[in-house]
Amino acid sequence: MKVSLLVVIFLSIVFVSACNSRSQEIDQQSIITDSHSDLPRKHLLCSSTPPILDTTKLKANLKERGLITEQMTEAEAEQIVVEYIRKRQKAFQDCKKGSQ
């Protein structure tokens, strides 16, 4: 009885370790990249947004948040938008510097 119990436990350990090594093998295969790819790969440490080409949606968002008011001139509103973009870019640069 004890021998058969030991055999069952041993076989269980073997099967579990075999399944675990297979999952590690699959994980390692997913990490391997195509070395023949012509596209350069960027390793971004922080997430950044693409450059803003049209600021109308951003202005609307800043108006909703109360950062731009109706009393502001167009130049003042534009300055708020520029400062907001700079602040976001600075946060990205600080994140990138801090993690290197």
C-alpha atoms as a PDB file:
ATOM      1  CA  MET A   1       0.000   0.000   0.000  1.00  0.00           C
ATOM      2  CA  LYS A   2       2.768   2.436   0.926  1.00  0.00           C
ATOM      3  CA  VAL A   3       4.720   1.571  -2.211  1.00  0.00           C
ATOM      4  CA  SER A   4       1.772   2.226  -4.509  1.00  0.00           C
ATOM      5  CA  LEU A   5       1.100   5.527  -2.723  1.00  0.00           C
ATOM      6  CA  LEU A   6       4.730   6.552  -3.233  1.00  0.00           C
ATOM      7  CA  VAL A   7       4.526   5.600  -6.901  1.00  0.00           C
ATOM      8  CA  VAL A   8       1.373   7.692  -7.361  1.00  0.00           C
ATOM      9  CA  ILE A   9       2.984  10.685  -5.631  1.00  0.00           C
ATOM     10  CA  PHE A  10       6.155  10.312  -7.692  1.00  0.00           C
ATOM     11  CA  LEU A  11       4.219  10.103 -10.958  1.00  0.00           C
ATOM     12  CA  SER A  12       2.135  13.131  -9.970  1.00  0.00           C
ATOM     13  CA  ILE A  13       5.285  15.164  -9.356  1.00  0.00           C
ATOM     14  CA  VAL A  14       6.736  14.060 -12.694  1.00  0.00           C
ATOM     15  CA  PHE A  15       3.580  15.050 -14.587  1.00  0.00           C
ATOM     16  CA  VAL A  16       3.331  18.420 -12.850  1.00  0.00           C
ATOM     17  CA  SER A  17       6.980  19.228 -13.526  1.00  0.00           C
ATOM     18  CA  ALA A  18       6.567  18.199 -17.178  1.00  0.00           C
ATOM     19  CA  CYS A  19       3.599  20.537 -17.572  1.00  0.00           C
ATOM     20  CA  ASN A  20       5.495  23.352 -15.885  1.00  0.00           C
ATOM     21  CA  SER A  21       8.559  22.956 -18.126  1.00  0.00           C
ATOM     22  CA  ARG A  22       6.308  22.973 -21.217  1.00  0.00           C
ATOM     23  CA  SER A  23       4.662  26.240 -20.167  1.00  0.00           C
ATOM     24  CA  GLN A  24       8.094  27.800 -19.585  1.00  0.00           C
ATOM     25  CA  GLU A  25       9.172  26.627 -23.038  1.00  0.00           C
ATOM     26  CA  ILE A  26       6.093  28.243 -24.583  1.00  0.00           C
ATOM     27  CA  ASP A  27       6.784  31.492 -22.682  1.00  0.00           C
ATOM     28  CA  GLN A  28      10.378  31.534 -23.918  1.00  0.00           C
ATOM     29  CA  GLN A  29       9.244  30.949 -27.503  1.00  0.00           C
ATOM     30  CA  SER A  30       6.866  33.892 -27.280  1.00  0.00           C
ATOM     31  CA  ILE A  31       9.729  36.122 -26.111  1.00  0.00           C
ATOM     32  CA  ILE A  32      11.938  35.201 -29.069  1.00  0.00           C
ATOM     33  CA  THR A  33      11.527  37.785 -31.814  1.00  0.00           C
ATOM     34  CA  ASP A  34      12.073  37.585 -35.532  1.00  0.00           C
ATOM     35  CA  SER A  35      15.723  38.514 -36.095  1.00  0.00           C
ATOM     36  CA  HIS A  36      15.078  38.989 -39.831  1.00  0.00           C
ATOM     37  CA  SER A  37      12.638  41.830 -39.350  1.00  0.00           C
ATOM     38  CA  ASP A  38      13.608  45.034 -41.137  1.00  0.00           C
ATOM     39  CA  LEU A  39      11.653  47.209 -38.733  1.00  0.00           C
ATOM     40  CA  PRO A  40      13.654  48.774 -35.917  1.00  0.00           C
ATOM     41  CA  ARG A  41      12.216  47.938 -32.531  1.00  0.00           C
ATOM     42  CA  LYS A  42      11.917  50.573 -29.854  1.00  0.00           C
ATOM     43  CA  HIS A  43      11.973  49.522 -26.247  1.00  0.00           C
ATOM     44  CA  LEU A  44       9.792  52.173 -24.671  1.00  0.00           C
ATOM     45  CA  LEU A  45       9.993  52.232 -20.933  1.00  0.00           C
ATOM     46  CA  CYS A  46       7.127  54.685 -20.565  1.00  0.00           C
ATOM     47  CA  SER A  47       4.018  55.157 -22.594  1.00  0.00           C
ATOM     48  CA  SER A  48       3.816  58.355 -24.597  1.00  0.00           C
ATOM     49  CA  THR A  49       1.147  59.829 -26.805  1.00  0.00           C
ATOM     50  CA  PRO A  50       1.711  60.572 -30.480  1.00  0.00           C
ATOM     51  CA  PRO A  51       2.339  64.196 -31.435  1.00  0.00           C
ATOM     52  CA  ILE A  52      -0.802  66.322 -31.379  1.00  0.00           C
ATOM     53  CA  LEU A  53      -1.593  67.658 -34.836  1.00  0.00           C
ATOM     54  CA  ASP A  54      -5.050  69.111 -34.214  1.00  0.00           C
ATOM     55  CA  THR A  55      -5.576  70.769 -30.831  1.00  0.00           C
ATOM     56  CA  THR A  56      -9.320  71.408 -31.145  1.00  0.00           C
ATOM     57  CA  LYS A  57     -10.263  68.287 -29.173  1.00  0.00           C
ATOM     58  CA  LEU A  58      -7.634  69.095 -26.571  1.00  0.00           C
ATOM     59  CA  LYS A  59      -9.000  72.643 -26.244  1.00  0.00           C
ATOM     60  CA  ALA A  60     -12.511  71.264 -25.797  1.00  0.00           C
ATOM     61  CA  ASN A  61     -11.257  68.865 -23.137  1.00  0.00           C
ATOM     62  CA  LEU A  62      -9.434  71.649 -21.296  1.00  0.00           C
ATOM     63  CA  LYS A  63     -12.593  73.788 -21.452  1.00  0.00           C
ATOM     64  CA  GLU A  64     -14.616  70.946 -19.915  1.00  0.00           C
ATOM     65  CA  ARG A  65     -12.043  70.622 -17.145  1.00  0.00           C
ATOM     66  CA  GLY A  66     -12.158  74.368 -16.483  1.00  0.00           C
ATOM     67  CA  LEU A  67      -8.562  75.118 -17.445  1.00  0.00           C
ATOM     68  CA  ILE A  68      -9.723  77.292 -20.349  1.00  0.00           C
ATOM     69  CA  THR A  69     -12.550  79.739 -19.698  1.00  0.00           C
ATOM     70  CA  GLU A  70     -14.741  81.773 -22.032  1.00  0.00           C
ATOM     71  CA  GLN A  71     -13.175  84.998 -20.727  1.00  0.00           C
ATOM     72  CA  MET A  72      -9.730  84.035 -22.067  1.00  0.00           C
ATOM     73  CA  THR A  73      -8.501  85.382 -25.363  1.00  0.00           C
ATOM     74  CA  GLU A  74      -7.526  82.982 -28.140  1.00  0.00           C
ATOM     75  CA  ALA A  75      -3.839  83.636 -27.411  1.00  0.00           C
ATOM     76  CA  GLU A  76      -4.284  82.836 -23.702  1.00  0.00           C
ATOM     77  CA  ALA A  77      -6.169  79.646 -24.534  1.00  0.00           C
ATOM     78  CA  GLU A  78      -3.452  78.640 -26.989  1.00  0.00           C
ATOM     79  CA  GLN A  79      -0.817  79.272 -24.303  1.00  0.00           C
ATOM     80  CA  ILE A  80      -2.695  76.980 -21.887  1.00  0.00           C
ATOM     81  CA  VAL A  81      -2.759  74.255 -24.561  1.00  0.00           C
ATOM     82  CA  VAL A  82       0.982  74.636 -25.244  1.00  0.00           C
ATOM     83  CA  GLU A  83       1.792  74.513 -21.519  1.00  0.00           C
ATOM     84  CA  TYR A  84      -0.391  71.417 -21.105  1.00  0.00           C
ATOM     85  CA  ILE A  85       1.410  69.645 -23.957  1.00  0.00           C
ATOM     86  CA  ARG A  86       4.822  70.614 -22.543  1.00  0.00           C
ATOM     87  CA  LYS A  87       3.826  69.355 -19.105  1.00  0.00           C
ATOM     88  CA  ARG A  88       2.763  65.995 -20.561  1.00  0.00           C
ATOM     89  CA  GLN A  89       5.987  65.691 -22.578  1.00  0.00           C
ATOM     90  CA  LYS A  90       8.065  66.594 -19.503  1.00  0.00           C
ATOM     91  CA  ALA A  91       6.331  63.869 -17.509  1.00  0.00           C
ATOM     92  CA  PHE A  92       7.248  61.368 -20.235  1.00  0.00           C
ATOM     93  CA  GLN A  93      10.884  62.521 -20.294  1.00  0.00           C
ATOM     94  CA  ASP A  94      11.135  62.305 -16.497  1.00  0.00           C
ATOM     95  CA  CYS A  95       9.676  58.797 -16.579  1.00  0.00           C
ATOM     96  CA  LYS A  96      12.147  57.712 -19.262  1.00  0.00           C
ATOM     97  CA  LYS A  97      15.136  59.191 -17.387  1.00  0.00           C
ATOM     98  CA  GLY A  98      14.085  57.712 -14.078  1.00  0.00           C
ATOM     99  CA  SER A  99      13.873  54.146 -15.347  1.00  0.00           C
ATOM    100  CA  GLN A 100      17.191  54.008 -17.190  1.00  0.00           C
END
